[in-house]
Amino acid sequence: MQKFHVKRNDQVVVIAGSQKGKSGKVLEVLAAKSRARVEGVGLIKRHLKKSQEHPQGTIAEREGSIHISNLMLQSVFDASKRKKPATA
């Protein structure tokens, strides 16, 4: 089994891709695909048909997966040069 630099419940920042700059907590790590689900990042829409829970049907949003290489721990990100200096 592979070992990754992030694990569940870590605070991470997305450093590459369309979600660059967003941060959140890792919900789960998908080891087989080298991907992770991050809270509030990479949301996808899922169309649900009518059911007892949703009598009208609905469009549900949930987190998609992001490749592990595009994630960095928040603590490492804050300590690195990547963090833009605060301008007064």
PDB file of N, CA and C in Angstrom:
ATOM      1  N   MET A   1       0.829  -1.182   0.000  1.00  0.00           N
ATOM      2  CA  MET A   1       0.000   0.000   0.000  1.00  0.00           C
ATOM      3  C   MET A   1       0.878   1.252   0.000  1.00  0.00           C
ATOM      4  N   GLN A   2       0.445   2.257  -0.764  1.00  0.00           N
ATOM      5  CA  GLN A   2       1.210   3.489  -0.859  1.00  0.00           C
ATOM      6  C   GLN A   2       1.044   4.337   0.395  1.00  0.00           C
ATOM      7  N   LYS A   3       2.041   5.177   0.640  1.00  0.00           N
ATOM      8  CA  LYS A   3       1.956   6.116   1.757  1.00  0.00           C
ATOM      9  C   LYS A   3       1.929   7.520   1.164  1.00  0.00           C
ATOM     10  N   PHE A   4       0.979   8.337   1.613  1.00  0.00           N
ATOM     11  CA  PHE A   4       0.819   9.679   1.082  1.00  0.00           C
ATOM     12  C   PHE A   4       1.177  10.719   2.132  1.00  0.00           C
ATOM     13  N   HIS A   5       1.417  11.957   1.674  1.00  0.00           N
ATOM     14  CA  HIS A   5       1.772  13.040   2.592  1.00  0.00           C
ATOM     15  C   HIS A   5       0.560  13.667   3.264  1.00  0.00           C
ATOM     16  N   VAL A   6      -0.635  13.261   2.861  1.00  0.00           N
ATOM     17  CA  VAL A   6      -1.860  13.745   3.519  1.00  0.00           C
ATOM     18  C   VAL A   6      -2.667  12.552   4.000  1.00  0.00           C
ATOM     19  N   LYS A   7      -3.442  12.769   5.055  1.00  0.00           N
ATOM     20  CA  LYS A   7      -4.322  11.719   5.556  1.00  0.00           C
ATOM     21  C   LYS A   7      -5.641  12.365   5.969  1.00  0.00           C
ATOM     22  N   ARG A   8      -6.600  11.547   6.341  1.00  0.00           N
ATOM     23  CA  ARG A   8      -7.923  12.045   6.693  1.00  0.00           C
ATOM     24  C   ARG A   8      -7.837  13.051   7.843  1.00  0.00           C
ATOM     25  N   ASN A   9      -8.670  14.073   7.771  1.00  0.00           N
ATOM     26  CA  ASN A   9      -8.782  15.163   8.759  1.00  0.00           C
ATOM     27  C   ASN A   9      -7.628  16.164   8.730  1.00  0.00           C
ATOM     28  N   ASP A  10      -6.694  16.066   7.789  1.00  0.00           N
ATOM     29  CA  ASP A  10      -5.637  17.073   7.634  1.00  0.00           C
ATOM     30  C   ASP A  10      -6.218  18.319   6.960  1.00  0.00           C
ATOM     31  N   GLN A  11      -5.703  19.501   7.337  1.00  0.00           N
ATOM     32  CA  GLN A  11      -6.048  20.734   6.637  1.00  0.00           C
ATOM     33  C   GLN A  11      -5.083  20.859   5.461  1.00  0.00           C
ATOM     34  N   VAL A  12      -5.617  21.026   4.239  1.00  0.00           N
ATOM     35  CA  VAL A  12      -4.778  21.101   3.042  1.00  0.00           C
ATOM     36  C   VAL A  12      -5.146  22.313   2.200  1.00  0.00           C
ATOM     37  N   VAL A  13      -4.215  22.694   1.306  1.00  0.00           N
ATOM     38  CA  VAL A  13      -4.419  23.763   0.334  1.00  0.00           C
ATOM     39  C   VAL A  13      -4.203  23.148  -1.039  1.00  0.00           C
ATOM     40  N   VAL A  14      -5.044  23.531  -2.002  1.00  0.00           N
ATOM     41  CA  VAL A  14      -4.873  23.075  -3.388  1.00  0.00           C
ATOM     42  C   VAL A  14      -3.847  23.992  -4.032  1.00  0.00           C
ATOM     43  N   ILE A  15      -2.768  23.415  -4.584  1.00  0.00           N
ATOM     44  CA  ILE A  15      -1.687  24.228  -5.129  1.00  0.00           C
ATOM     45  C   ILE A  15      -1.658  24.242  -6.652  1.00  0.00           C
ATOM     46  N   ALA A  16      -2.508  23.439  -7.308  1.00  0.00           N
ATOM     47  CA  ALA A  16      -2.529  23.410  -8.771  1.00  0.00           C
ATOM     48  C   ALA A  16      -3.906  23.009  -9.258  1.00  0.00           C
ATOM     49  N   GLY A  17      -4.242  23.442 -10.465  1.00  0.00           N
ATOM     50  CA  GLY A  17      -5.513  23.063 -11.062  1.00  0.00           C
ATOM     51  C   GLY A  17      -6.548  24.166 -10.940  1.00  0.00           C
ATOM     52  N   SER A  18      -7.770  23.856 -11.345  1.00  0.00           N
ATOM     53  CA  SER A  18      -8.833  24.858 -11.383  1.00  0.00           C
ATOM     54  C   SER A  18      -9.278  25.304  -9.994  1.00  0.00           C
ATOM     55  N   GLN A  19      -8.996  24.526  -8.965  1.00  0.00           N
ATOM     56  CA  GLN A  19      -9.384  24.862  -7.588  1.00  0.00           C
ATOM     57  C   GLN A  19      -8.232  25.484  -6.801  1.00  0.00           C
ATOM     58  N   LYS A  20      -7.181  25.930  -7.496  1.00  0.00           N
ATOM     59  CA  LYS A  20      -5.970  26.444  -6.868  1.00  0.00           C
ATOM     60  C   LYS A  20      -6.282  27.550  -5.859  1.00  0.00           C
ATOM     61  N   GLY A  21      -5.661  27.454  -4.679  1.00  0.00           N
ATOM     62  CA  GLY A  21      -5.819  28.456  -3.639  1.00  0.00           C
ATOM     63  C   GLY A  21      -6.880  28.114  -2.608  1.00  0.00           C
ATOM     64  N   LYS A  22      -7.774  27.180  -2.915  1.00  0.00           N
ATOM     65  CA  LYS A  22      -8.815  26.806  -1.965  1.00  0.00           C
ATOM     66  C   LYS A  22      -8.237  25.858  -0.921  1.00  0.00           C
ATOM     67  N   SER A  23      -8.841  25.873   0.261  1.00  0.00           N
ATOM     68  CA  SER A  23      -8.367  24.990   1.317  1.00  0.00           C
ATOM     69  C   SER A  23      -9.538  24.318   1.994  1.00  0.00           C
ATOM     70  N   GLY A  24      -9.256  23.229   2.684  1.00  0.00           N
ATOM     71  CA  GLY A  24     -10.292  22.497   3.391  1.00  0.00           C
ATOM     72  C   GLY A  24      -9.717  21.277   4.079  1.00  0.00           C
ATOM     73  N   LYS A  25     -10.600  20.514   4.690  1.00  0.00           N
ATOM     74  CA  LYS A  25     -10.210  19.324   5.441  1.00  0.00           C
ATOM     75  C   LYS A  25     -10.366  18.097   4.542  1.00  0.00           C
ATOM     76  N   VAL A  26      -9.426  17.167   4.617  1.00  0.00           N
ATOM     77  CA  VAL A  26      -9.489  15.936   3.830  1.00  0.00           C
ATOM     78  C   VAL A  26     -10.570  15.031   4.424  1.00  0.00           C
ATOM     79  N   LEU A  27     -11.555  14.681   3.603  1.00  0.00           N
ATOM     80  CA  LEU A  27     -12.643  13.816   4.050  1.00  0.00           C
ATOM     81  C   LEU A  27     -12.272  12.344   3.912  1.00  0.00           C
ATOM     82  N   GLU A  28     -11.624  12.006   2.792  1.00  0.00           N
ATOM     83  CA  GLU A  28     -11.169  10.624   2.598  1.00  0.00           C
ATOM     84  C   GLU A  28     -10.059  10.600   1.564  1.00  0.00           C
ATOM     85  N   VAL A  29      -9.220   9.580   1.642  1.00  0.00           N
ATOM     86  CA  VAL A  29      -8.137   9.369   0.689  1.00  0.00           C
ATOM     87  C   VAL A  29      -8.471   8.125  -0.121  1.00  0.00           C
ATOM     88  N   LEU A  30      -8.469   8.276  -1.457  1.00  0.00           N
ATOM     89  CA  LEU A  30      -8.737   7.161  -2.363  1.00  0.00           C
ATOM     90  C   LEU A  30      -7.383   6.638  -2.852  1.00  0.00           C
ATOM     91  N   ALA A  31      -6.817   5.692  -2.123  1.00  0.00           N
ATOM     92  CA  ALA A  31      -5.443   5.232  -2.363  1.00  0.00           C
ATOM     93  C   ALA A  31      -5.277   4.584  -3.732  1.00  0.00           C
ATOM     94  N   ALA A  32      -6.268   3.846  -4.187  1.00  0.00           N
ATOM     95  CA  ALA A  32      -6.153   3.141  -5.466  1.00  0.00           C
ATOM     96  C   ALA A  32      -5.979   4.106  -6.633  1.00  0.00           C
ATOM     97  N   LYS A  33      -6.564   5.297  -6.528  1.00  0.00           N
ATOM     98  CA  LYS A  33      -6.489   6.281  -7.603  1.00  0.00           C
ATOM     99  C   LYS A  33      -5.544   7.438  -7.292  1.00  0.00           C
ATOM    100  N   SER A  34      -4.898   7.428  -6.135  1.00  0.00           N
ATOM    101  CA  SER A  34      -4.016   8.509  -5.673  1.00  0.00           C
ATOM    102  C   SER A  34      -4.754   9.841  -5.644  1.00  0.00           C
ATOM    103  N   ARG A  35      -5.965   9.827  -5.130  1.00  0.00           N
ATOM    104  CA  ARG A  35      -6.794  11.025  -5.065  1.00  0.00           C
ATOM    105  C   ARG A  35      -7.382  11.192  -3.672  1.00  0.00           C
ATOM    106  N   ALA A  36      -7.879  12.389  -3.389  1.00  0.00           N
ATOM    107  CA  ALA A  36      -8.484  12.674  -2.086  1.00  0.00           C
ATOM    108  C   ALA A  36      -9.716  13.551  -2.271  1.00  0.00           C
ATOM    109  N   ARG A  37     -10.678  13.420  -1.366  1.00  0.00           N
ATOM    110  CA  ARG A  37     -11.843  14.301  -1.334  1.00  0.00           C
ATOM    111  C   ARG A  37     -11.598  15.346  -0.258  1.00  0.00           C
ATOM    112  N   VAL A  38     -11.751  16.627  -0.646  1.00  0.00           N
ATOM    113  CA  VAL A  38     -11.501  17.732   0.277  1.00  0.00           C
ATOM    114  C   VAL A  38     -12.803  18.506   0.471  1.00  0.00           C
ATOM    115  N   GLU A  39     -13.107  18.812   1.719  1.00  0.00           N
ATOM    116  CA  GLU A  39     -14.352  19.479   2.078  1.00  0.00           C
ATOM    117  C   GLU A  39     -14.469  20.844   1.395  1.00  0.00           C
ATOM    118  N   GLY A  40     -15.544  21.021   0.610  1.00  0.00           N
ATOM    119  CA  GLY A  40     -15.822  22.299  -0.039  1.00  0.00           C
ATOM    120  C   GLY A  40     -15.002  22.598  -1.276  1.00  0.00           C
ATOM    121  N   VAL A  41     -14.214  21.651  -1.747  1.00  0.00           N
ATOM    122  CA  VAL A  41     -13.348  21.868  -2.906  1.00  0.00           C
ATOM    123  C   VAL A  41     -13.711  20.860  -3.996  1.00  0.00           C
ATOM    124  N   GLY A  42     -13.789  21.325  -5.230  1.00  0.00           N
ATOM    125  CA  GLY A  42     -14.064  20.436  -6.362  1.00  0.00           C
ATOM    126  C   GLY A  42     -15.473  19.878  -6.342  1.00  0.00           C
ATOM    127  N   LEU A  43     -16.451  20.732  -6.042  1.00  0.00           N
ATOM    128  CA  LEU A  43     -17.828  20.268  -5.939  1.00  0.00           C
ATOM    129  C   LEU A  43     -18.365  19.848  -7.309  1.00  0.00           C
ATOM    130  N   ILE A  44     -19.113  18.740  -7.320  1.00  0.00           N
ATOM    131  CA  ILE A  44     -19.777  18.267  -8.531  1.00  0.00           C
ATOM    132  C   ILE A  44     -21.263  18.156  -8.243  1.00  0.00           C
ATOM    133  N   LYS A  45     -22.059  18.263  -9.288  1.00  0.00           N
ATOM    134  CA  LYS A  45     -23.509  18.186  -9.127  1.00  0.00           C
ATOM    135  C   LYS A  45     -23.990  16.787  -9.496  1.00  0.00           C
ATOM    136  N   ARG A  46     -24.908  16.275  -8.696  1.00  0.00           N
ATOM    137  CA  ARG A  46     -25.471  14.941  -8.908  1.00  0.00           C
ATOM    138  C   ARG A  46     -26.978  15.096  -8.989  1.00  0.00           C
ATOM    139  N   HIS A  47     -27.582  14.711 -10.109  1.00  0.00           N
ATOM    140  CA  HIS A  47     -29.022  14.813 -10.290  1.00  0.00           C
ATOM    141  C   HIS A  47     -29.682  13.575  -9.701  1.00  0.00           C
ATOM    142  N   LEU A  48     -30.580  13.802  -8.736  1.00  0.00           N
ATOM    143  CA  LEU A  48     -31.283  12.704  -8.080  1.00  0.00           C
ATOM    144  C   LEU A  48     -32.726  12.671  -8.559  1.00  0.00           C
ATOM    145  N   LYS A  49     -33.210  11.478  -8.894  1.00  0.00           N
ATOM    146  CA  LYS A  49     -34.592  11.414  -9.351  1.00  0.00           C
ATOM    147  C   LYS A  49     -35.552  11.378  -8.175  1.00  0.00           C
ATOM    148  N   LYS A  50     -36.814  11.483  -8.477  1.00  0.00           N
ATOM    149  CA  LYS A  50     -37.837  11.562  -7.436  1.00  0.00           C
ATOM    150  C   LYS A  50     -37.801  10.334  -6.536  1.00  0.00           C
ATOM    151  N   SER A  51     -37.953  10.585  -5.228  1.00  0.00           N
ATOM    152  CA  SER A  51     -37.983   9.508  -4.249  1.00  0.00           C
ATOM    153  C   SER A  51     -38.780  10.003  -3.046  1.00  0.00           C
ATOM    154  N   GLN A  52     -38.901   9.174  -2.023  1.00  0.00           N
ATOM    155  CA  GLN A  52     -39.637   9.613  -0.838  1.00  0.00           C
ATOM    156  C   GLN A  52     -38.898  10.730  -0.104  1.00  0.00           C
ATOM    157  N   GLU A  53     -37.580  10.679  -0.106  1.00  0.00           N
ATOM    158  CA  GLU A  53     -36.804  11.736   0.545  1.00  0.00           C
ATOM    159  C   GLU A  53     -36.852  13.037  -0.249  1.00  0.00           C
ATOM    160  N   HIS A  54     -36.886  12.934  -1.577  1.00  0.00           N
ATOM    161  CA  HIS A  54     -36.920  14.104  -2.465  1.00  0.00           C
ATOM    162  C   HIS A  54     -38.089  13.955  -3.430  1.00  0.00           C
ATOM    163  N   PRO A  55     -39.305  14.347  -3.012  1.00  0.00           N
ATOM    164  CA  PRO A  55     -40.482  14.136  -3.865  1.00  0.00           C
ATOM    165  C   PRO A  55     -40.408  14.862  -5.208  1.00  0.00           C
ATOM    166  N   GLN A  56     -39.692  15.970  -5.282  1.00  0.00           N
ATOM    167  CA  GLN A  56     -39.566  16.705  -6.538  1.00  0.00           C
ATOM    168  C   GLN A  56     -38.302  16.330  -7.308  1.00  0.00           C
ATOM    169  N   GLY A  57     -37.461  15.483  -6.709  1.00  0.00           N
ATOM    170  CA  GLY A  57     -36.141  15.266  -7.289  1.00  0.00           C
ATOM    171  C   GLY A  57     -35.272  16.440  -6.884  1.00  0.00           C
ATOM    172  N   THR A  58     -33.992  16.352  -7.045  1.00  0.00           N
ATOM    173  CA  THR A  58     -33.123  17.450  -6.633  1.00  0.00           C
ATOM    174  C   THR A  58     -31.771  17.354  -7.323  1.00  0.00           C
ATOM    175  N   ILE A  59     -31.029  18.427  -7.211  1.00  0.00           N
ATOM    176  CA  ILE A  59     -29.647  18.445  -7.685  1.00  0.00           C
ATOM    177  C   ILE A  59     -28.779  18.590  -6.441  1.00  0.00           C
ATOM    178  N   ALA A  60     -28.050  17.539  -6.106  1.00  0.00           N
ATOM    179  CA  ALA A  60     -27.211  17.537  -4.910  1.00  0.00           C
ATOM    180  C   ALA A  60     -25.773  17.852  -5.297  1.00  0.00           C
ATOM    181  N   GLU A  61     -25.108  18.647  -4.465  1.00  0.00           N
ATOM    182  CA  GLU A  61     -23.691  18.934  -4.674  1.00  0.00           C
ATOM    183  C   GLU A  61     -22.874  18.107  -3.702  1.00  0.00           C
ATOM    184  N   ARG A  62     -21.788  17.533  -4.196  1.00  0.00           N
ATOM    185  CA  ARG A  62     -20.896  16.801  -3.318  1.00  0.00           C
ATOM    186  C   ARG A  62     -19.465  17.003  -3.796  1.00  0.00           C
ATOM    187  N   GLU A  63     -18.530  16.635  -2.950  1.00  0.00           N
ATOM    188  CA  GLU A  63     -17.121  16.851  -3.268  1.00  0.00           C
ATOM    189  C   GLU A  63     -16.631  15.817  -4.279  1.00  0.00           C
ATOM    190  N   GLY A  64     -15.928  16.287  -5.294  1.00  0.00           N
ATOM    191  CA  GLY A  64     -15.247  15.400  -6.213  1.00  0.00           C
ATOM    192  C   GLY A  64     -13.854  15.122  -5.673  1.00  0.00           C
ATOM    193  N   SER A  65     -13.085  14.316  -6.380  1.00  0.00           N
ATOM    194  CA  SER A  65     -11.747  13.990  -5.892  1.00  0.00           C
ATOM    195  C   SER A  65     -10.690  14.851  -6.586  1.00  0.00           C
ATOM    196  N   ILE A  66      -9.598  15.084  -5.882  1.00  0.00           N
ATOM    197  CA  ILE A  66      -8.471  15.876  -6.379  1.00  0.00           C
ATOM    198  C   ILE A  66      -7.219  15.025  -6.248  1.00  0.00           C
ATOM    199  N   HIS A  67      -6.355  15.087  -7.242  1.00  0.00           N
ATOM    200  CA  HIS A  67      -5.140  14.276  -7.194  1.00  0.00           C
ATOM    201  C   HIS A  67      -4.256  14.728  -6.032  1.00  0.00           C
ATOM    202  N   ILE A  68      -3.649  13.744  -5.366  1.00  0.00           N
ATOM    203  CA  ILE A  68      -2.823  14.001  -4.175  1.00  0.00           C
ATOM    204  C   ILE A  68      -1.684  14.978  -4.464  1.00  0.00           C
ATOM    205  N   SER A  69      -1.129  14.917  -5.677  1.00  0.00           N
ATOM    206  CA  SER A  69       0.008  15.781  -6.010  1.00  0.00           C
ATOM    207  C   SER A  69      -0.379  17.254  -6.073  1.00  0.00           C
ATOM    208  N   ASN A  70      -1.673  17.550  -6.158  1.00  0.00           N
ATOM    209  CA  ASN A  70      -2.131  18.938  -6.196  1.00  0.00           C
ATOM    210  C   ASN A  70      -2.480  19.484  -4.815  1.00  0.00           C
ATOM    211  N   LEU A  71      -2.187  18.716  -3.773  1.00  0.00           N
ATOM    212  CA  LEU A  71      -2.499  19.131  -2.408  1.00  0.00           C
ATOM    213  C   LEU A  71      -1.229  19.343  -1.593  1.00  0.00           C
ATOM    214  N   MET A  72      -1.298  20.296  -0.663  1.00  0.00           N
ATOM    215  CA  MET A  72      -0.182  20.561   0.249  1.00  0.00           C
ATOM    216  C   MET A  72      -0.767  20.816   1.633  1.00  0.00           C
ATOM    217  N   LEU A  73      -0.104  20.316   2.658  1.00  0.00           N
ATOM    218  CA  LEU A  73      -0.558  20.556   4.021  1.00  0.00           C
ATOM    219  C   LEU A  73      -0.588  22.058   4.310  1.00  0.00           C
ATOM    220  N   GLN A  74      -1.606  22.506   5.025  1.00  0.00           N
ATOM    221  CA  GLN A  74      -1.768  23.925   5.336  1.00  0.00           C
ATOM    222  C   GLN A  74      -0.565  24.460   6.108  1.00  0.00           C
ATOM    223  N   SER A  75      -0.046  23.680   7.046  1.00  0.00           N
ATOM    224  CA  SER A  75       1.090  24.138   7.858  1.00  0.00           C
ATOM    225  C   SER A  75       2.345  24.333   7.007  1.00  0.00           C
ATOM    226  N   VAL A  76       2.579  23.433   6.064  1.00  0.00           N
ATOM    227  CA  VAL A  76       3.737  23.550   5.164  1.00  0.00           C
ATOM    228  C   VAL A  76       3.539  24.741   4.232  1.00  0.00           C
ATOM    229  N   PHE A  77       2.317  24.922   3.749  1.00  0.00           N
ATOM    230  CA  PHE A  77       1.989  26.035   2.847  1.00  0.00           C
ATOM    231  C   PHE A  77       2.223  27.377   3.536  1.00  0.00           C
ATOM    232  N   ASP A  78       1.785  27.497   4.793  1.00  0.00           N
ATOM    233  CA  ASP A  78       1.960  28.746   5.536  1.00  0.00           C
ATOM    234  C   ASP A  78       3.429  29.062   5.794  1.00  0.00           C
ATOM    235  N   ALA A  79       4.246  28.033   5.946  1.00  0.00           N
ATOM    236  CA  ALA A  79       5.663  28.235   6.223  1.00  0.00           C
ATOM    237  C   ALA A  79       6.488  28.461   4.951  1.00  0.00           C
ATOM    238  N   SER A  80       5.911  28.178   3.779  1.00  0.00           N
ATOM    239  CA  SER A  80       6.660  28.280   2.532  1.00  0.00           C
ATOM    240  C   SER A  80       6.554  29.659   1.906  1.00  0.00           C
ATOM    241  N   LYS A  81       7.303  29.858   0.812  1.00  0.00           N
ATOM    242  CA  LYS A  81       7.273  31.116   0.091  1.00  0.00           C
ATOM    243  C   LYS A  81       6.008  31.262  -0.747  1.00  0.00           C
ATOM    244  N   ARG A  82       5.238  30.172  -0.890  1.00  0.00           N
ATOM    245  CA  ARG A  82       4.023  30.221  -1.693  1.00  0.00           C
ATOM    246  C   ARG A  82       2.979  31.168  -1.121  1.00  0.00           C
ATOM    247  N   LYS A  83       2.972  31.296   0.201  1.00  0.00           N
ATOM    248  CA  LYS A  83       1.993  32.174   0.843  1.00  0.00           C
ATOM    249  C   LYS A  83       2.360  33.618   0.528  1.00  0.00           C
ATOM    250  N   LYS A  84       1.409  34.355  -0.009  1.00  0.00           N
ATOM    251  CA  LYS A  84       1.678  35.738  -0.386  1.00  0.00           C
ATOM    252  C   LYS A  84       1.793  36.583   0.884  1.00  0.00           C
ATOM    253  N   PRO A  85       2.783  37.491   0.932  1.00  0.00           N
ATOM    254  CA  PRO A  85       2.925  38.332   2.120  1.00  0.00           C
ATOM    255  C   PRO A  85       1.734  39.277   2.256  1.00  0.00           C
ATOM    256  N   ALA A  86       1.315  39.512   3.484  1.00  0.00           N
ATOM    257  CA  ALA A  86       0.175  40.385   3.759  1.00  0.00           C
ATOM    258  C   ALA A  86       0.562  41.822   3.475  1.00  0.00           C
ATOM    259  N   THR A  87      -0.248  42.505   2.665  1.00  0.00           N
ATOM    260  CA  THR A  87       0.027  43.915   2.345  1.00  0.00           C
ATOM    261  C   THR A  87      -0.897  44.787   3.187  1.00  0.00           C
ATOM    262  N   ALA A  88      -0.311  45.817   3.786  1.00  0.00           N
ATOM    263  CA  ALA A  88      -1.091  46.681   4.678  1.00  0.00           C
ATOM    264  C   ALA A  88      -1.770  47.798   3.943  1.00  0.00           C
TER     265      ALA A  88
END
